[in-house]
Amino acid sequence: MDAWGVRLYGCQSCQSVCPHNRGLSCTAPPAVGEVGAGIPLLSFLSEDAPARAARFRGSALGMSWVPAEALVRNALVAAGNRGDICARSAVEAWLRNEHSPLIATAARWARARL
């Protein structure tokens, strides 16, 4: 999980291999590991499902091929990798409710890192 760093989703490798991007020319050098505008990690982890869906509506992250659970897992991993103790309560909130094993594992891992 360390290799994921603090990304929420994606990386330049995804853009480079996507068949829809074949033949496009770059007008600016790509920023490896960045996905558009920054998303505040703590607010993302504190939002409910409808708020998270609204945040990404109309964007590539709002498309159905990006599972919402994957974004939450990635945010939890990013919180653990960031190591900011201020994220501990947001991470622990994900442990208090029933969630998928994927989210529960990431939340336990992040809590241990904080």
N, C-alpha and C. Protein backbone atom coordinates (compact mmCIF):
# COMPACT_ATOMS: atom_id res chain seq x y z
N MET A 1 0.81 -1.19 0.00
CA MET A 1 0.00 0.00 0.00
C MET A 1 0.86 1.26 0.00
N ASP A 2 2.09 1.13 0.41
CA ASP A 2 2.97 2.30 0.42
C ASP A 2 3.14 2.88 -0.97
N ALA A 3 3.21 2.02 -1.98
CA ALA A 3 3.46 2.49 -3.35
C ALA A 3 2.32 3.36 -3.87
N TRP A 4 1.13 3.23 -3.29
CA TRP A 4 0.00 4.03 -3.76
C TRP A 4 0.20 5.51 -3.41
N GLY A 5 0.93 5.79 -2.37
CA GLY A 5 1.18 7.18 -1.97
C GLY A 5 -0.08 7.84 -1.45
N VAL A 6 -0.33 9.06 -1.88
CA VAL A 6 -1.49 9.82 -1.41
C VAL A 6 -2.48 10.10 -2.54
N ARG A 7 -2.42 9.29 -3.59
CA ARG A 7 -3.37 9.47 -4.70
C ARG A 7 -4.74 8.98 -4.30
N LEU A 8 -5.75 9.62 -4.84
CA LEU A 8 -7.11 9.13 -4.66
C LEU A 8 -7.43 8.11 -5.74
N TYR A 9 -7.05 8.42 -6.97
CA TYR A 9 -7.33 7.49 -8.05
C TYR A 9 -6.43 7.79 -9.23
N GLY A 10 -5.99 6.75 -9.88
CA GLY A 10 -5.33 6.87 -11.17
C GLY A 10 -3.90 7.34 -11.13
N CYS A 11 -3.35 7.36 -12.30
CA CYS A 11 -1.99 7.83 -12.48
C CYS A 11 -1.78 8.06 -13.98
N GLN A 12 -0.68 8.58 -14.33
CA GLN A 12 -0.43 8.85 -15.74
C GLN A 12 -0.37 7.56 -16.56
N SER A 13 0.02 6.44 -15.95
CA SER A 13 0.06 5.18 -16.68
C SER A 13 -1.31 4.83 -17.24
N CYS A 14 -2.37 5.11 -16.46
CA CYS A 14 -3.73 4.83 -16.95
C CYS A 14 -4.01 5.63 -18.21
N GLN A 15 -3.63 6.90 -18.19
CA GLN A 15 -3.87 7.76 -19.35
C GLN A 15 -3.04 7.31 -20.56
N SER A 16 -1.83 6.87 -20.30
CA SER A 16 -0.94 6.48 -21.39
C SER A 16 -1.41 5.23 -22.12
N VAL A 17 -2.03 4.30 -21.42
CA VAL A 17 -2.43 3.04 -22.05
C VAL A 17 -3.89 3.02 -22.48
N CYS A 18 -4.67 4.04 -22.13
CA CYS A 18 -6.09 4.06 -22.47
C CYS A 18 -6.27 4.13 -23.98
N PRO A 19 -7.03 3.19 -24.58
CA PRO A 19 -7.20 3.20 -26.04
C PRO A 19 -7.91 4.46 -26.54
N HIS A 20 -8.70 5.10 -25.69
CA HIS A 20 -9.39 6.33 -26.11
C HIS A 20 -8.42 7.49 -26.28
N ASN A 21 -7.25 7.40 -25.70
CA ASN A 21 -6.26 8.46 -25.81
C ASN A 21 -5.27 8.24 -26.95
N ARG A 22 -5.39 7.11 -27.63
CA ARG A 22 -4.48 6.81 -28.73
C ARG A 22 -4.58 7.89 -29.80
N GLY A 23 -3.47 8.40 -30.24
CA GLY A 23 -3.45 9.39 -31.29
C GLY A 23 -3.56 10.83 -30.81
N LEU A 24 -3.80 11.04 -29.53
CA LEU A 24 -3.86 12.40 -29.01
C LEU A 24 -2.46 12.93 -28.78
N SER A 25 -2.29 14.20 -28.97
CA SER A 25 -0.99 14.79 -28.67
C SER A 25 -1.09 15.57 -27.37
N CYS A 26 -0.02 15.56 -26.61
CA CYS A 26 0.01 16.28 -25.34
C CYS A 26 0.28 17.75 -25.60
N THR A 27 -0.51 18.61 -25.00
CA THR A 27 -0.24 20.05 -25.10
C THR A 27 0.56 20.54 -23.90
N ALA A 28 0.62 19.72 -22.88
CA ALA A 28 1.41 20.04 -21.69
C ALA A 28 1.93 18.72 -21.13
N PRO A 29 3.07 18.75 -20.47
CA PRO A 29 3.59 17.51 -19.89
C PRO A 29 2.63 17.00 -18.81
N PRO A 30 2.37 15.70 -18.79
CA PRO A 30 1.47 15.15 -17.78
C PRO A 30 2.11 15.19 -16.39
N ALA A 31 1.29 15.38 -15.39
CA ALA A 31 1.75 15.37 -14.00
C ALA A 31 1.49 13.97 -13.45
N VAL A 32 2.53 13.22 -13.26
CA VAL A 32 2.40 11.84 -12.81
C VAL A 32 1.73 11.79 -11.45
N GLY A 33 0.67 10.98 -11.35
CA GLY A 33 0.00 10.76 -10.08
C GLY A 33 -1.03 11.79 -9.69
N GLU A 34 -1.29 12.78 -10.54
CA GLU A 34 -2.27 13.80 -10.22
C GLU A 34 -3.55 13.56 -10.99
N VAL A 35 -4.67 13.79 -10.34
CA VAL A 35 -5.97 13.63 -10.99
C VAL A 35 -6.73 14.93 -10.83
N GLY A 36 -6.58 15.80 -11.81
CA GLY A 36 -7.33 17.04 -11.78
C GLY A 36 -7.08 17.87 -10.54
N ALA A 37 -8.10 18.63 -10.18
CA ALA A 37 -7.99 19.50 -9.00
C ALA A 37 -7.87 18.67 -7.74
N GLY A 38 -7.21 19.21 -6.75
CA GLY A 38 -7.04 18.51 -5.50
C GLY A 38 -8.37 18.27 -4.79
N ILE A 39 -8.47 17.17 -4.10
CA ILE A 39 -9.66 16.84 -3.34
C ILE A 39 -9.24 16.75 -1.88
N PRO A 40 -9.85 17.57 -1.02
CA PRO A 40 -9.48 17.52 0.40
C PRO A 40 -9.79 16.14 1.00
N LEU A 41 -8.76 15.46 1.44
CA LEU A 41 -8.88 14.09 1.91
C LEU A 41 -9.83 13.96 3.09
N LEU A 42 -9.71 14.82 4.08
CA LEU A 42 -10.54 14.70 5.27
C LEU A 42 -12.01 14.93 4.95
N SER A 43 -12.31 15.90 4.10
CA SER A 43 -13.72 16.12 3.77
C SER A 43 -14.26 14.96 2.94
N PHE A 44 -13.44 14.41 2.05
CA PHE A 44 -13.88 13.27 1.25
C PHE A 44 -14.22 12.08 2.16
N LEU A 45 -13.35 11.79 3.12
CA LEU A 45 -13.59 10.66 4.03
C LEU A 45 -14.79 10.90 4.95
N SER A 46 -15.13 12.16 5.17
CA SER A 46 -16.24 12.49 6.07
C SER A 46 -17.58 12.59 5.36
N GLU A 47 -17.58 12.64 4.05
CA GLU A 47 -18.83 12.77 3.29
C GLU A 47 -19.60 11.47 3.27
N ASP A 48 -20.92 11.60 3.13
CA ASP A 48 -21.74 10.40 2.94
C ASP A 48 -21.75 10.04 1.45
N ALA A 49 -22.30 8.90 1.12
CA ALA A 49 -22.27 8.39 -0.25
C ALA A 49 -22.89 9.37 -1.25
N PRO A 50 -24.05 9.98 -0.98
CA PRO A 50 -24.61 10.93 -1.95
C PRO A 50 -23.70 12.14 -2.18
N ALA A 51 -23.04 12.63 -1.14
CA ALA A 51 -22.14 13.78 -1.31
C ALA A 51 -20.92 13.40 -2.14
N ARG A 52 -20.39 12.19 -1.91
CA ARG A 52 -19.25 11.74 -2.72
C ARG A 52 -19.67 11.58 -4.18
N ALA A 53 -20.85 11.05 -4.42
CA ALA A 53 -21.34 10.88 -5.79
C ALA A 53 -21.53 12.24 -6.45
N ALA A 54 -22.07 13.22 -5.72
CA ALA A 54 -22.29 14.55 -6.27
C ALA A 54 -20.96 15.23 -6.60
N ARG A 55 -19.95 14.98 -5.77
CA ARG A 55 -18.63 15.59 -6.00
C ARG A 55 -18.08 15.21 -7.37
N PHE A 56 -18.32 13.97 -7.79
CA PHE A 56 -17.73 13.48 -9.03
C PHE A 56 -18.70 13.43 -10.21
N ARG A 57 -19.95 13.83 -10.01
CA ARG A 57 -20.93 13.80 -11.10
C ARG A 57 -20.40 14.61 -12.28
N GLY A 58 -20.47 14.01 -13.46
CA GLY A 58 -20.03 14.68 -14.67
C GLY A 58 -18.54 14.57 -14.96
N SER A 59 -17.82 13.83 -14.11
CA SER A 59 -16.38 13.66 -14.33
C SER A 59 -16.08 12.18 -14.59
N ALA A 60 -14.85 11.91 -14.98
CA ALA A 60 -14.45 10.52 -15.22
C ALA A 60 -14.58 9.68 -13.95
N LEU A 61 -14.36 10.30 -12.79
CA LEU A 61 -14.48 9.56 -11.54
C LEU A 61 -15.94 9.28 -11.18
N GLY A 62 -16.86 9.97 -11.80
CA GLY A 62 -18.27 9.73 -11.55
C GLY A 62 -18.87 8.66 -12.43
N MET A 63 -18.09 8.14 -13.34
CA MET A 63 -18.58 7.10 -14.24
C MET A 63 -18.68 5.77 -13.49
N SER A 64 -19.56 4.92 -13.92
CA SER A 64 -19.82 3.68 -13.19
C SER A 64 -18.64 2.70 -13.20
N TRP A 65 -17.67 2.89 -14.06
CA TRP A 65 -16.55 1.95 -14.09
C TRP A 65 -15.56 2.20 -12.97
N VAL A 66 -15.75 3.26 -12.21
CA VAL A 66 -14.91 3.53 -11.04
C VAL A 66 -15.77 3.26 -9.81
N PRO A 67 -15.62 2.10 -9.18
CA PRO A 67 -16.47 1.79 -8.03
C PRO A 67 -16.25 2.77 -6.88
N ALA A 68 -17.34 3.22 -6.28
CA ALA A 68 -17.26 4.15 -5.16
C ALA A 68 -16.42 3.55 -4.03
N GLU A 69 -16.57 2.26 -3.82
CA GLU A 69 -15.82 1.59 -2.76
C GLU A 69 -14.30 1.67 -3.01
N ALA A 70 -13.89 1.65 -4.27
CA ALA A 70 -12.46 1.77 -4.58
C ALA A 70 -11.94 3.15 -4.22
N LEU A 71 -12.73 4.18 -4.45
CA LEU A 71 -12.30 5.53 -4.10
C LEU A 71 -12.16 5.70 -2.59
N VAL A 72 -13.09 5.12 -1.84
CA VAL A 72 -13.01 5.19 -0.38
C VAL A 72 -11.77 4.43 0.10
N ARG A 73 -11.57 3.23 -0.43
CA ARG A 73 -10.38 2.45 -0.06
C ARG A 73 -9.12 3.25 -0.35
N ASN A 74 -9.05 3.86 -1.53
CA ASN A 74 -7.87 4.64 -1.91
C ASN A 74 -7.67 5.84 -0.99
N ALA A 75 -8.77 6.48 -0.59
CA ALA A 75 -8.67 7.62 0.32
C ALA A 75 -8.15 7.17 1.68
N LEU A 76 -8.59 6.02 2.15
CA LEU A 76 -8.09 5.49 3.41
C LEU A 76 -6.61 5.16 3.32
N VAL A 77 -6.19 4.57 2.23
CA VAL A 77 -4.76 4.26 2.03
C VAL A 77 -3.96 5.56 1.97
N ALA A 78 -4.49 6.56 1.26
CA ALA A 78 -3.80 7.86 1.18
C ALA A 78 -3.67 8.48 2.57
N ALA A 79 -4.72 8.37 3.38
CA ALA A 79 -4.66 8.91 4.75
C ALA A 79 -3.57 8.22 5.56
N GLY A 80 -3.50 6.90 5.45
CA GLY A 80 -2.45 6.16 6.16
C GLY A 80 -1.07 6.53 5.67
N ASN A 81 -0.92 6.68 4.37
CA ASN A 81 0.38 7.03 3.81
C ASN A 81 0.78 8.46 4.15
N ARG A 82 -0.20 9.34 4.25
CA ARG A 82 0.11 10.73 4.60
C ARG A 82 0.60 10.81 6.04
N GLY A 83 0.04 9.97 6.92
CA GLY A 83 0.49 9.93 8.30
C GLY A 83 0.05 11.11 9.14
N ASP A 84 -0.96 11.83 8.71
CA ASP A 84 -1.45 13.00 9.44
C ASP A 84 -2.42 12.53 10.53
N ILE A 85 -2.06 12.72 11.77
CA ILE A 85 -2.89 12.26 12.90
C ILE A 85 -4.27 12.91 12.87
N CYS A 86 -4.42 14.04 12.23
CA CYS A 86 -5.73 14.71 12.12
C CYS A 86 -6.74 13.84 11.36
N ALA A 87 -6.27 12.89 10.59
CA ALA A 87 -7.17 12.02 9.82
C ALA A 87 -7.66 10.83 10.64
N ARG A 88 -7.12 10.64 11.82
CA ARG A 88 -7.45 9.45 12.60
C ARG A 88 -8.95 9.30 12.86
N SER A 89 -9.65 10.36 13.26
CA SER A 89 -11.08 10.23 13.55
C SER A 89 -11.87 9.91 12.29
N ALA A 90 -11.49 10.49 11.16
CA ALA A 90 -12.18 10.18 9.91
C ALA A 90 -11.96 8.73 9.51
N VAL A 91 -10.75 8.23 9.72
CA VAL A 91 -10.45 6.82 9.42
C VAL A 91 -11.22 5.91 10.37
N GLU A 92 -11.22 6.24 11.64
CA GLU A 92 -11.92 5.39 12.62
C GLU A 92 -13.42 5.34 12.38
N ALA A 93 -13.98 6.39 11.82
CA ALA A 93 -15.41 6.38 11.51
C ALA A 93 -15.75 5.27 10.52
N TRP A 94 -14.82 4.95 9.65
CA TRP A 94 -15.04 3.86 8.68
C TRP A 94 -14.97 2.50 9.35
N LEU A 95 -14.45 2.41 10.56
CA LEU A 95 -14.39 1.15 11.29
C LEU A 95 -15.64 0.92 12.13
N ARG A 96 -16.39 1.97 12.42
CA ARG A 96 -17.55 1.86 13.29
C ARG A 96 -18.79 1.31 12.60
N ASN A 97 -18.82 1.30 11.31
CA ASN A 97 -19.99 0.82 10.56
C ASN A 97 -19.63 -0.42 9.76
N GLU A 98 -20.64 -1.13 9.35
CA GLU A 98 -20.42 -2.32 8.51
C GLU A 98 -20.07 -1.86 7.10
N HIS A 99 -18.93 -2.25 6.63
CA HIS A 99 -18.51 -1.93 5.27
C HIS A 99 -17.94 -3.20 4.64
N SER A 100 -17.62 -3.10 3.39
CA SER A 100 -17.06 -4.24 2.69
C SER A 100 -15.71 -4.61 3.31
N PRO A 101 -15.27 -5.85 3.12
CA PRO A 101 -13.95 -6.25 3.62
C PRO A 101 -12.83 -5.37 3.04
N LEU A 102 -12.99 -4.91 1.82
CA LEU A 102 -11.99 -4.05 1.18
C LEU A 102 -11.81 -2.76 1.97
N ILE A 103 -12.91 -2.11 2.32
CA ILE A 103 -12.86 -0.86 3.07
C ILE A 103 -12.40 -1.12 4.50
N ALA A 104 -12.90 -2.17 5.13
CA ALA A 104 -12.51 -2.47 6.51
C ALA A 104 -11.01 -2.74 6.62
N THR A 105 -10.46 -3.48 5.67
CA THR A 105 -9.02 -3.76 5.68
C THR A 105 -8.21 -2.48 5.52
N ALA A 106 -8.63 -1.62 4.59
CA ALA A 106 -7.91 -0.36 4.37
C ALA A 106 -8.01 0.54 5.59
N ALA A 107 -9.18 0.58 6.23
CA ALA A 107 -9.36 1.42 7.42
C ALA A 107 -8.48 0.93 8.57
N ARG A 108 -8.42 -0.38 8.78
CA ARG A 108 -7.56 -0.93 9.84
C ARG A 108 -6.09 -0.61 9.55
N TRP A 109 -5.70 -0.78 8.29
CA TRP A 109 -4.31 -0.50 7.90
C TRP A 109 -3.98 0.98 8.13
N ALA A 110 -4.89 1.87 7.71
CA ALA A 110 -4.64 3.31 7.87
C ALA A 110 -4.57 3.69 9.34
N ARG A 111 -5.48 3.15 10.14
CA ARG A 111 -5.47 3.46 11.57
C ARG A 111 -4.13 3.05 12.21
N ALA A 112 -3.64 1.89 11.82
CA ALA A 112 -2.35 1.43 12.36
C ALA A 112 -1.21 2.36 11.97
N ARG A 113 -1.32 2.97 10.80
CA ARG A 113 -0.28 3.90 10.34
C ARG A 113 -0.38 5.24 11.04
N LEU A 114 -1.56 5.56 11.56
CA LEU A 114 -1.75 6.86 12.22
C LEU A 114 -1.52 6.72 13.71
